[in-house]
PDB file of N, CA and C in Angstrom:
ATOM      1  N   UNK A   1     -14.029  -5.345  -9.510  1.00  0.00           N
ATOM      2  CA  UNK A   1     -12.762  -5.803  -9.960  1.00  0.00           C
ATOM      3  C   UNK A   1     -12.302  -6.805  -8.915  1.00  0.00           C
ATOM      4  N   UNK A   2     -11.843  -7.951  -9.361  1.00  0.00           N
ATOM      5  CA  UNK A   2     -11.350  -9.000  -8.493  1.00  0.00           C
ATOM      6  C   UNK A   2      -9.964  -8.624  -7.928  1.00  0.00           C
ATOM      7  N   UNK A   3      -9.604  -9.298  -6.865  1.00  0.00           N
ATOM      8  CA  UNK A   3      -8.274  -9.059  -6.243  1.00  0.00           C
ATOM      9  C   UNK A   3      -7.149  -9.417  -7.246  1.00  0.00           C
ATOM     10  N   UNK A   4      -7.289 -10.501  -8.011  1.00  0.00           N
ATOM     11  CA  UNK A   4      -6.251 -10.845  -8.983  1.00  0.00           C
ATOM     12  C   UNK A   4      -6.109  -9.775 -10.047  1.00  0.00           C
ATOM     13  N   UNK A   5      -7.234  -9.266 -10.508  1.00  0.00           N
ATOM     14  CA  UNK A   5      -7.207  -8.149 -11.482  1.00  0.00           C
ATOM     15  C   UNK A   5      -6.489  -6.918 -10.936  1.00  0.00           C
ATOM     16  N   UNK A   6      -6.803  -6.604  -9.702  1.00  0.00           N
ATOM     17  CA  UNK A   6      -6.194  -5.456  -9.106  1.00  0.00           C
ATOM     18  C   UNK A   6      -4.636  -5.691  -8.966  1.00  0.00           C
ATOM     19  N   UNK A   7      -4.258  -6.947  -8.532  1.00  0.00           N
ATOM     20  CA  UNK A   7      -2.795  -7.248  -8.453  1.00  0.00           C
ATOM     21  C   UNK A   7      -2.080  -7.109  -9.779  1.00  0.00           C
ATOM     22  N   UNK A   8      -2.747  -7.683 -10.857  1.00  0.00           N
ATOM     23  CA  UNK A   8      -2.144  -7.533 -12.121  1.00  0.00           C
ATOM     24  C   UNK A   8      -2.041  -6.156 -12.651  1.00  0.00           C
ATOM     25  N   UNK A   9      -3.065  -5.368 -12.458  1.00  0.00           N
ATOM     26  CA  UNK A   9      -3.091  -3.947 -12.821  1.00  0.00           C
ATOM     27  C   UNK A   9      -1.933  -3.234 -12.104  1.00  0.00           C
ATOM     28  N   UNK A  10      -1.754  -3.467 -10.774  1.00  0.00           N
ATOM     29  CA  UNK A  10      -0.703  -2.873 -10.050  1.00  0.00           C
ATOM     30  C   UNK A  10       0.694  -3.292 -10.550  1.00  0.00           C
ATOM     31  N   UNK A  11       0.794  -4.558 -10.858  1.00  0.00           N
ATOM     32  CA  UNK A  11       2.051  -5.078 -11.401  1.00  0.00           C
ATOM     33  C   UNK A  11       2.400  -4.409 -12.738  1.00  0.00           C
ATOM     34  N   UNK A  12       1.366  -4.309 -13.640  1.00  0.00           N
ATOM     35  CA  UNK A  12       1.588  -3.635 -14.874  1.00  0.00           C
ATOM     36  C   UNK A  12       2.055  -2.197 -14.758  1.00  0.00           C
ATOM     37  N   UNK A  13       1.455  -1.514 -13.831  1.00  0.00           N
ATOM     38  CA  UNK A  13       1.859  -0.146 -13.578  1.00  0.00           C
ATOM     39  C   UNK A  13       3.301  -0.026 -12.993  1.00  0.00           C
ATOM     40  N   UNK A  14       3.598  -0.869 -12.060  1.00  0.00           N
ATOM     41  CA  UNK A  14       4.943  -0.905 -11.502  1.00  0.00           C
ATOM     42  C   UNK A  14       6.029  -1.117 -12.541  1.00  0.00           C
ATOM     43  N   UNK A  15       5.805  -2.158 -13.380  1.00  0.00           N
ATOM     44  CA  UNK A  15       6.858  -2.480 -14.331  1.00  0.00           C
ATOM     45  C   UNK A  15       6.914  -1.485 -15.414  1.00  0.00           C
ATOM     46  N   UNK A  16       5.775  -0.845 -15.799  1.00  0.00           N
ATOM     47  CA  UNK A  16       5.809   0.245 -16.769  1.00  0.00           C
ATOM     48  C   UNK A  16       6.625   1.424 -16.215  1.00  0.00           C
ATOM     49  N   UNK A  17       6.520   1.701 -14.922  1.00  0.00           N
ATOM     50  CA  UNK A  17       7.355   2.777 -14.304  1.00  0.00           C
ATOM     51  C   UNK A  17       8.846   2.398 -14.347  1.00  0.00           C
ATOM     52  N   UNK A  18       9.094   1.103 -14.025  1.00  0.00           N
ATOM     53  CA  UNK A  18      10.516   0.645 -13.941  1.00  0.00           C
ATOM     54  C   UNK A  18      11.114   0.589 -15.342  1.00  0.00           C
ATOM     55  N   UNK A  19      10.266   0.247 -16.299  1.00  0.00           N
ATOM     56  CA  UNK A  19      10.777   0.107 -17.682  1.00  0.00           C
ATOM     57  C   UNK A  19      11.271   1.447 -18.206  1.00  0.00           C
ATOM     58  N   UNK A  20      10.751   2.547 -17.648  1.00  0.00           N
ATOM     59  CA  UNK A  20      11.174   3.842 -18.150  1.00  0.00           C
ATOM     60  C   UNK A  20      12.425   4.358 -17.420  1.00  0.00           C
ATOM     61  N   UNK A  21      12.687   3.782 -16.176  1.00  0.00           N
ATOM     62  CA  UNK A  21      13.814   4.242 -15.435  1.00  0.00           C
ATOM     63  C   UNK A  21      14.969   3.190 -15.259  1.00  0.00           C
ATOM     64  N   UNK A  22      14.698   1.972 -15.379  1.00  0.00           N
ATOM     65  CA  UNK A  22      15.688   0.959 -15.200  1.00  0.00           C
ATOM     66  C   UNK A  22      16.096   0.256 -16.476  1.00  0.00           C
ATOM     67  N   UNK A  23      17.223  -0.432 -16.466  1.00  0.00           N
ATOM     68  CA  UNK A  23      17.713  -1.140 -17.697  1.00  0.00           C
ATOM     69  C   UNK A  23      17.025  -2.487 -17.788  1.00  0.00           C
ATOM     70  N   UNK A  24      16.521  -2.799 -18.943  1.00  0.00           N
ATOM     71  CA  UNK A  24      15.946  -4.195 -19.209  1.00  0.00           C
ATOM     72  C   UNK A  24      17.038  -5.009 -19.896  1.00  0.00           C
ATOM     73  N   UNK A  25      17.504  -6.048 -19.171  1.00  0.00           N
ATOM     74  CA  UNK A  25      18.647  -6.824 -19.728  1.00  0.00           C
ATOM     75  C   UNK A  25      18.287  -8.306 -19.599  1.00  0.00           C
ATOM     76  N   UNK A  26      18.335  -9.057 -20.711  1.00  0.00           N
ATOM     77  CA  UNK A  26      18.009 -10.425 -20.727  1.00  0.00           C
ATOM     78  C   UNK A  26      16.608 -10.768 -20.194  1.00  0.00           C
ATOM     79  N   UNK A  27      15.644  -9.947 -20.586  1.00  0.00           N
ATOM     80  CA  UNK A  27      14.217 -10.057 -20.152  1.00  0.00           C
ATOM     81  C   UNK A  27      14.123  -9.930 -18.657  1.00  0.00           C
ATOM     82  N   UNK A  28      14.955  -9.202 -18.020  1.00  0.00           N
ATOM     83  CA  UNK A  28      14.886  -9.004 -16.609  1.00  0.00           C
ATOM     84  C   UNK A  28      15.133  -7.509 -16.244  1.00  0.00           C
ATOM     85  N   UNK A  29      14.436  -7.085 -15.114  1.00  0.00           N
ATOM     86  CA  UNK A  29      14.732  -5.782 -14.589  1.00  0.00           C
ATOM     87  C   UNK A  29      15.206  -6.094 -13.177  1.00  0.00           C
ATOM     88  N   UNK A  30      16.346  -5.624 -12.734  1.00  0.00           N
ATOM     89  CA  UNK A  30      16.941  -5.865 -11.527  1.00  0.00           C
ATOM     90  C   UNK A  30      16.840  -4.576 -10.633  1.00  0.00           C
ATOM     91  N   UNK A  31      16.203  -4.729  -9.474  1.00  0.00           N
ATOM     92  CA  UNK A  31      16.084  -3.582  -8.553  1.00  0.00           C
ATOM     93  C   UNK A  31      16.427  -3.965  -7.145  1.00  0.00           C
ATOM     94  N   UNK A  32      16.718  -2.956  -6.281  1.00  0.00           N
ATOM     95  CA  UNK A  32      16.938  -3.179  -4.896  1.00  0.00           C
ATOM     96  C   UNK A  32      15.696  -3.645  -4.096  1.00  0.00           C
ATOM     97  N   UNK A  33      15.935  -4.419  -3.079  1.00  0.00           N
ATOM     98  CA  UNK A  33      14.852  -4.959  -2.313  1.00  0.00           C
ATOM     99  C   UNK A  33      14.006  -3.806  -1.670  1.00  0.00           C
ATOM    100  N   UNK A  34      14.706  -2.821  -1.115  1.00  0.00           N
ATOM    101  CA  UNK A  34      13.911  -1.760  -0.480  1.00  0.00           C
ATOM    102  C   UNK A  34      13.044  -0.988  -1.411  1.00  0.00           C
ATOM    103  N   UNK A  35      13.568  -0.768  -2.600  1.00  0.00           N
ATOM    104  CA  UNK A  35      12.760  -0.024  -3.622  1.00  0.00           C
ATOM    105  C   UNK A  35      11.539  -0.879  -4.040  1.00  0.00           C
ATOM    106  N   UNK A  36      11.682  -2.155  -4.168  1.00  0.00           N
ATOM    107  CA  UNK A  36      10.627  -3.093  -4.495  1.00  0.00           C
ATOM    108  C   UNK A  36       9.597  -3.098  -3.369  1.00  0.00           C
ATOM    109  N   UNK A  37      10.059  -3.170  -2.195  1.00  0.00           N
ATOM    110  CA  UNK A  37       9.164  -3.163  -1.036  1.00  0.00           C
ATOM    111  C   UNK A  37       8.299  -1.896  -0.969  1.00  0.00           C
ATOM    112  N   UNK A  38       8.980  -0.780  -1.229  1.00  0.00           N
ATOM    113  CA  UNK A  38       8.254   0.510  -1.258  1.00  0.00           C
ATOM    114  C   UNK A  38       7.201   0.552  -2.345  1.00  0.00           C
ATOM    115  N   UNK A  39       7.524   0.056  -3.505  1.00  0.00           N
ATOM    116  CA  UNK A  39       6.529   0.001  -4.594  1.00  0.00           C
ATOM    117  C   UNK A  39       5.371  -0.904  -4.245  1.00  0.00           C
ATOM    118  N   UNK A  40       5.540  -2.027  -3.590  1.00  0.00           N
ATOM    119  CA  UNK A  40       4.436  -2.896  -3.253  1.00  0.00           C
ATOM    120  C   UNK A  40       3.642  -2.419  -2.040  1.00  0.00           C
ATOM    121  N   UNK A  41       4.234  -1.692  -1.207  1.00  0.00           N
ATOM    122  CA  UNK A  41       3.526  -1.201   0.026  1.00  0.00           C
ATOM    123  C   UNK A  41       2.745   0.189  -0.238  1.00  0.00           C
ATOM    124  N   UNK A  42       2.868   0.642  -1.480  1.00  0.00           N
ATOM    125  CA  UNK A  42       2.248   1.939  -1.770  1.00  0.00           C
ATOM    126  C   UNK A  42       0.668   1.772  -1.576  1.00  0.00           C
ATOM    127  N   UNK A  43       0.183   0.624  -2.001  1.00  0.00           N
ATOM    128  CA  UNK A  43      -1.274   0.351  -1.883  1.00  0.00           C
ATOM    129  C   UNK A  43      -1.457  -0.827  -0.908  1.00  0.00           C
ATOM    130  N   UNK A  44      -1.696  -0.666   0.338  1.00  0.00           N
ATOM    131  CA  UNK A  44      -1.735  -1.747   1.300  1.00  0.00           C
ATOM    132  C   UNK A  44      -3.100  -2.475   1.434  1.00  0.00           C
ATOM    133  N   UNK A  45      -3.652  -2.890   0.234  1.00  0.00           N
ATOM    134  CA  UNK A  45      -4.880  -3.687   0.351  1.00  0.00           C
ATOM    135  C   UNK A  45      -4.655  -5.125   0.829  1.00  0.00           C
ATOM    136  N   UNK A  46      -3.420  -5.656   0.634  1.00  0.00           N
ATOM    137  CA  UNK A  46      -2.979  -6.847   1.234  1.00  0.00           C
ATOM    138  C   UNK A  46      -1.501  -6.675   1.643  1.00  0.00           C
ATOM    139  N   UNK A  47      -0.975  -7.563   2.511  1.00  0.00           N
ATOM    140  CA  UNK A  47       0.284  -7.394   3.035  1.00  0.00           C
ATOM    141  C   UNK A  47       1.383  -7.618   1.943  1.00  0.00           C
ATOM    142  N   UNK A  48       2.542  -7.059   2.193  1.00  0.00           N
ATOM    143  CA  UNK A  48       3.690  -7.196   1.317  1.00  0.00           C
ATOM    144  C   UNK A  48       4.012  -8.707   1.181  1.00  0.00           C
ATOM    145  N   UNK A  49       4.011  -9.468   2.220  1.00  0.00           N
ATOM    146  CA  UNK A  49       4.240 -10.913   2.195  1.00  0.00           C
ATOM    147  C   UNK A  49       3.264 -11.678   1.264  1.00  0.00           C
ATOM    148  N   UNK A  50       2.008 -11.370   1.330  1.00  0.00           N
ATOM    149  CA  UNK A  50       1.057 -11.940   0.538  1.00  0.00           C
ATOM    150  C   UNK A  50       1.216 -11.552  -1.008  1.00  0.00           C
ATOM    151  N   UNK A  51       1.553 -10.284  -1.237  1.00  0.00           N
ATOM    152  CA  UNK A  51       1.778  -9.877  -2.627  1.00  0.00           C
ATOM    153  C   UNK A  51       2.979 -10.585  -3.215  1.00  0.00           C
ATOM    154  N   UNK A  52       4.044 -10.789  -2.391  1.00  0.00           N
ATOM    155  CA  UNK A  52       5.224 -11.427  -2.976  1.00  0.00           C
ATOM    156  C   UNK A  52       4.886 -12.943  -3.202  1.00  0.00           C
ATOM    157  N   UNK A  53       4.059 -13.523  -2.360  1.00  0.00           N
ATOM    158  CA  UNK A  53       3.620 -14.868  -2.657  1.00  0.00           C
ATOM    159  C   UNK A  53       2.884 -15.003  -3.957  1.00  0.00           C
ATOM    160  N   UNK A  54       2.041 -14.070  -4.278  1.00  0.00           N
ATOM    161  CA  UNK A  54       1.310 -14.066  -5.522  1.00  0.00           C
ATOM    162  C   UNK A  54       2.298 -13.864  -6.713  1.00  0.00           C
ATOM    163  N   UNK A  55       3.198 -12.927  -6.545  1.00  0.00           N
ATOM    164  CA  UNK A  55       4.173 -12.574  -7.560  1.00  0.00           C
ATOM    165  C   UNK A  55       5.052 -13.820  -7.882  1.00  0.00           C
ATOM    166  N   UNK A  56       5.490 -14.538  -6.849  1.00  0.00           N
ATOM    167  CA  UNK A  56       6.252 -15.708  -7.073  1.00  0.00           C
ATOM    168  C   UNK A  56       5.412 -16.825  -7.687  1.00  0.00           C
ATOM    169  N   UNK A  57       4.183 -17.032  -7.302  1.00  0.00           N
ATOM    170  CA  UNK A  57       3.359 -18.144  -7.888  1.00  0.00           C
ATOM    171  C   UNK A  57       3.048 -17.824  -9.294  1.00  0.00           C
ATOM    172  N   UNK A  58       2.882 -16.628  -9.689  1.00  0.00           N
ATOM    173  CA  UNK A  58       2.551 -16.281 -11.091  1.00  0.00           C
ATOM    174  C   UNK A  58       3.759 -16.005 -11.946  1.00  0.00           C
ATOM    175  N   UNK A  59       4.953 -16.249 -11.386  1.00  0.00           N
ATOM    176  CA  UNK A  59       6.159 -16.088 -12.133  1.00  0.00           C
ATOM    177  C   UNK A  59       6.394 -14.644 -12.582  1.00  0.00           C
ATOM    178  N   UNK A  60       5.920 -13.721 -11.829  1.00  0.00           N
ATOM    179  CA  UNK A  60       6.130 -12.299 -12.104  1.00  0.00           C
ATOM    180  C   UNK A  60       7.528 -11.781 -11.721  1.00  0.00           C
ATOM    181  N   UNK A  61       8.116 -12.560 -10.744  1.00  0.00           N
ATOM    182  CA  UNK A  61       9.532 -12.269 -10.301  1.00  0.00           C
ATOM    183  C   UNK A  61      10.275 -13.611 -10.361  1.00  0.00           C
ATOM    184  N   UNK A  62      11.527 -13.505 -10.624  1.00  0.00           N
ATOM    185  CA  UNK A  62      12.420 -14.656 -10.630  1.00  0.00           C
ATOM    186  C   UNK A  62      13.093 -14.720  -9.232  1.00  0.00           C
ATOM    187  N   UNK A  63      13.037 -15.816  -8.589  1.00  0.00           N
ATOM    188  CA  UNK A  63      13.364 -15.922  -7.130  1.00  0.00           C
ATOM    189  C   UNK A  63      14.054 -17.182  -6.761  1.00  0.00           C
ATOM    190  N   UNK A  64      14.582 -17.181  -5.612  1.00  0.00           N
ATOM    191  CA  UNK A  64      15.114 -18.428  -4.946  1.00  0.00           C
ATOM    192  C   UNK A  64      13.967 -19.266  -4.420  1.00  0.00           C
ATOM    193  N   UNK A  65      14.244 -20.369  -3.957  1.00  0.00           N
ATOM    194  CA  UNK A  65      13.277 -21.301  -3.418  1.00  0.00           C
ATOM    195  C   UNK A  65      12.394 -20.711  -2.298  1.00  0.00           C
ATOM    196  N   UNK A  66      13.096 -20.184  -1.304  1.00  0.00           N
ATOM    197  CA  UNK A  66      12.308 -19.671  -0.112  1.00  0.00           C
ATOM    198  C   UNK A  66      12.404 -18.133   0.010  1.00  0.00           C
ATOM    199  N   UNK A  67      12.610 -17.465  -1.053  1.00  0.00           N
ATOM    200  CA  UNK A  67      12.857 -16.003  -0.904  1.00  0.00           C
ATOM    201  C   UNK A  67      12.242 -15.331  -2.157  1.00  0.00           C
ATOM    202  N   UNK A  68      12.131 -14.000  -2.069  1.00  0.00           N
ATOM    203  CA  UNK A  68      11.631 -13.295  -3.222  1.00  0.00           C
ATOM    204  C   UNK A  68      12.703 -12.556  -3.996  1.00  0.00           C
ATOM    205  N   UNK A  69      13.999 -12.823  -3.659  1.00  0.00           N
ATOM    206  CA  UNK A  69      15.146 -12.227  -4.268  1.00  0.00           C
ATOM    207  C   UNK A  69      16.048 -13.231  -4.877  1.00  0.00           C
ATOM    208  N   UNK A  70      17.068 -12.762  -5.624  1.00  0.00           N
ATOM    209  CA  UNK A  70      18.079 -13.629  -6.188  1.00  0.00           C
ATOM    210  C   UNK A  70      19.447 -12.986  -5.993  1.00  0.00           C
ATOM    211  N   UNK A  71      20.480 -13.760  -5.855  1.00  0.00           N
ATOM    212  CA  UNK A  71      21.830 -13.202  -5.767  1.00  0.00           C
ATOM    213  C   UNK A  71      22.287 -12.650  -7.096  1.00  0.00           C
ATOM    214  N   UNK A  72      22.736 -11.445  -7.203  1.00  0.00           N
ATOM    215  CA  UNK A  72      23.091 -10.888  -8.409  1.00  0.00           C
ATOM    216  C   UNK A  72      24.530 -10.327  -8.250  1.00  0.00           C
ATOM    217  N   UNK A  73      25.333 -10.482  -9.247  1.00  0.00           N
ATOM    218  CA  UNK A  73      26.720  -9.957  -9.210  1.00  0.00           C
ATOM    219  C   UNK A  73      26.765  -8.467  -9.389  1.00  0.00           C
ATOM    220  N   UNK A  74      27.591  -7.866  -8.636  1.00  0.00           N
ATOM    221  CA  UNK A  74      27.832  -6.426  -8.781  1.00  0.00           C
ATOM    222  C   UNK A  74      28.877  -6.227  -9.868  1.00  0.00           C
ATOM    223  N   UNK A  75      28.525  -5.412 -10.860  1.00  0.00           N
ATOM    224  CA  UNK A  75      29.478  -5.217 -12.002  1.00  0.00           C
ATOM    225  C   UNK A  75      30.783  -4.647 -11.584  1.00  0.00           C
ATOM    226  N   UNK A  76      31.872  -5.256 -11.993  1.00  0.00           N
ATOM    227  CA  UNK A  76      33.171  -4.730 -11.689  1.00  0.00           C
ATOM    228  C   UNK A  76      33.787  -5.433 -10.491  1.00  0.00           C
ATOM    229  N   UNK A  77      33.055  -6.143  -9.730  1.00  0.00           N
ATOM    230  CA  UNK A  77      33.580  -6.831  -8.590  1.00  0.00           C
ATOM    231  C   UNK A  77      33.100  -8.309  -8.542  1.00  0.00           C
ATOM    232  N   UNK A  78      33.598  -8.992  -7.594  1.00  0.00           N
ATOM    233  CA  UNK A  78      33.180 -10.376  -7.416  1.00  0.00           C
ATOM    234  C   UNK A  78      32.062 -10.473  -6.423  1.00  0.00           C
ATOM    235  N   UNK A  79      31.645  -9.463  -5.846  1.00  0.00           N
ATOM    236  CA  UNK A  79      30.626  -9.442  -4.856  1.00  0.00           C
ATOM    237  C   UNK A  79      29.172  -9.669  -5.379  1.00  0.00           C
ATOM    238  N   UNK A  80      28.395 -10.411  -4.617  1.00  0.00           N
ATOM    239  CA  UNK A  80      27.015 -10.597  -4.980  1.00  0.00           C
ATOM    240  C   UNK A  80      26.086 -10.065  -3.914  1.00  0.00           C
ATOM    241  N   UNK A  81      24.973  -9.503  -4.432  1.00  0.00           N
ATOM    242  CA  UNK A  81      23.982  -8.831  -3.591  1.00  0.00           C
ATOM    243  C   UNK A  81      22.658  -9.436  -3.879  1.00  0.00           C
ATOM    244  N   UNK A  82      21.741  -9.587  -2.892  1.00  0.00           N
ATOM    245  CA  UNK A  82      20.423 -10.096  -3.155  1.00  0.00           C
ATOM    246  C   UNK A  82      19.597  -8.918  -3.650  1.00  0.00           C
ATOM    247  N   UNK A  83      18.981  -9.129  -4.844  1.00  0.00           N
ATOM    248  CA  UNK A  83      18.113  -8.127  -5.433  1.00  0.00           C
ATOM    249  C   UNK A  83      16.834  -8.784  -6.019  1.00  0.00           C
ATOM    250  N   UNK A  84      15.893  -7.961  -6.289  1.00  0.00           N
ATOM    251  CA  UNK A  84      14.616  -8.435  -6.880  1.00  0.00           C
ATOM    252  C   UNK A  84      14.771  -8.458  -8.356  1.00  0.00           C
ATOM    253  N   UNK A  85      14.459  -9.558  -8.996  1.00  0.00           N
ATOM    254  CA  UNK A  85      14.535  -9.688 -10.453  1.00  0.00           C
ATOM    255  C   UNK A  85      13.190  -9.883 -11.001  1.00  0.00           C
ATOM    256  N   UNK A  86      12.750  -8.842 -11.794  1.00  0.00           N
ATOM    257  CA  UNK A  86      11.377  -8.866 -12.374  1.00  0.00           C
ATOM    258  C   UNK A  86      11.477  -9.517 -13.752  1.00  0.00           C
ATOM    259  N   UNK A  87      10.499 -10.499 -13.939  1.00  0.00           N
ATOM    260  CA  UNK A  87      10.461 -11.186 -15.181  1.00  0.00           C
ATOM    261  C   UNK A  87       9.805 -10.372 -16.278  1.00  0.00           C
ATOM    262  N   UNK A  88      10.583  -9.747 -17.162  1.00  0.00           N
ATOM    263  CA  UNK A  88      10.047  -8.789 -18.141  1.00  0.00           C
ATOM    264  C   UNK A  88       9.271  -9.527 -19.272  1.00  0.00           C
ATOM    265  N   UNK A  89       9.607 -10.771 -19.548  1.00  0.00           N
ATOM    266  CA  UNK A  89       8.909 -11.516 -20.543  1.00  0.00           C
ATOM    267  C   UNK A  89       7.505 -11.768 -20.092  1.00  0.00           C
ATOM    268  N   UNK A  90       7.313 -12.113 -18.868  1.00  0.00           N
ATOM    269  CA  UNK A  90       5.973 -12.322 -18.262  1.00  0.00           C
ATOM    270  C   UNK A  90       5.142 -11.031 -18.295  1.00  0.00           C
ATOM    271  N   UNK A  91       5.852  -9.964 -18.037  1.00  0.00           N
ATOM    272  CA  UNK A  91       5.158  -8.640 -18.122  1.00  0.00           C
ATOM    273  C   UNK A  91       4.631  -8.385 -19.510  1.00  0.00           C
ATOM    274  N   UNK A  92       5.433  -8.634 -20.512  1.00  0.00           N
ATOM    275  CA  UNK A  92       4.949  -8.412 -21.897  1.00  0.00           C
ATOM    276  C   UNK A  92       3.790  -9.268 -22.283  1.00  0.00           C
ATOM    277  N   UNK A  93       3.809 -10.510 -21.846  1.00  0.00           N
ATOM    278  CA  UNK A  93       2.675 -11.403 -22.133  1.00  0.00           C
ATOM    279  C   UNK A  93       1.423 -10.926 -21.424  1.00  0.00           C
ATOM    280  N   UNK A  94       1.491 -10.685 -20.145  1.00  0.00           N
ATOM    281  CA  UNK A  94       0.345 -10.258 -19.353  1.00  0.00           C
ATOM    282  C   UNK A  94      -0.233  -8.942 -19.957  1.00  0.00           C
ATOM    283  N   UNK A  95       0.726  -7.997 -20.317  1.00  0.00           N
ATOM    284  CA  UNK A  95       0.294  -6.712 -20.830  1.00  0.00           C
ATOM    285  C   UNK A  95      -0.532  -6.900 -22.162  1.00  0.00           C
ATOM    286  N   UNK A  96      -0.067  -7.746 -23.019  1.00  0.00           N
ATOM    287  CA  UNK A  96      -0.682  -7.960 -24.260  1.00  0.00           C
ATOM    288  C   UNK A  96      -2.087  -8.540 -24.111  1.00  0.00           C
ATOM    289  N   UNK A  97      -2.204  -9.481 -23.274  1.00  0.00           N
ATOM    290  CA  UNK A  97      -3.527 -10.137 -23.030  1.00  0.00           C
ATOM    291  C   UNK A  97      -4.438  -9.273 -22.195  1.00  0.00           C
ATOM    292  N   UNK A  98      -3.902  -8.507 -21.284  1.00  0.00           N
ATOM    293  CA  UNK A  98      -4.745  -7.694 -20.390  1.00  0.00           C
ATOM    294  C   UNK A  98      -5.414  -6.579 -21.230  1.00  0.00           C
ATOM    295  N   UNK A  99      -4.652  -6.013 -22.099  1.00  0.00           N
ATOM    296  CA  UNK A  99      -5.212  -4.876 -22.913  1.00  0.00           C
ATOM    297  C   UNK A  99      -6.039  -5.349 -24.094  1.00  0.00           C
ATOM    298  N   UNK A 100      -5.957  -6.617 -24.484  1.00  0.00           N
ATOM    299  CA  UNK A 100      -6.754  -7.174 -25.520  1.00  0.00           C
ATOM    300  C   UNK A 100      -8.154  -7.377 -25.032  1.00  0.00           C
ATOM    301  N   UNK A 101      -8.252  -7.810 -23.808  1.00  0.00           N
ATOM    302  CA  UNK A 101      -9.568  -8.102 -23.229  1.00  0.00           C
ATOM    303  C   UNK A 101     -10.351  -6.828 -22.784  1.00  0.00           C
ATOM    304  N   UNK A 102      -9.697  -5.725 -22.704  1.00  0.00           N
ATOM    305  CA  UNK A 102     -10.337  -4.512 -22.183  1.00  0.00           C
ATOM    306  C   UNK A 102     -11.300  -3.932 -23.187  1.00  0.00           C
TER     307      UNK A 102
END
């Protein structure tokens, strides 16, 4: 199995887990940075930094120019917090093609 296949398989399993526990809104799943970091560091075959570079390049997460997070408004207040925004639409596309080829 290639490294890219392993990364995609890990991504599919992470989002499947998040899909069951988090709210999917506007084709996005918004989670805390620490939670995201813990999910990616579970299997340390490459560094967290390298994984986030791949996630950004493949549009698996929606991000700022030089970061892997986005500012998100906290409901009920004017405050914004940096969170990880997972692109759910990309997940659905990759999931459909990944399992068609298996």
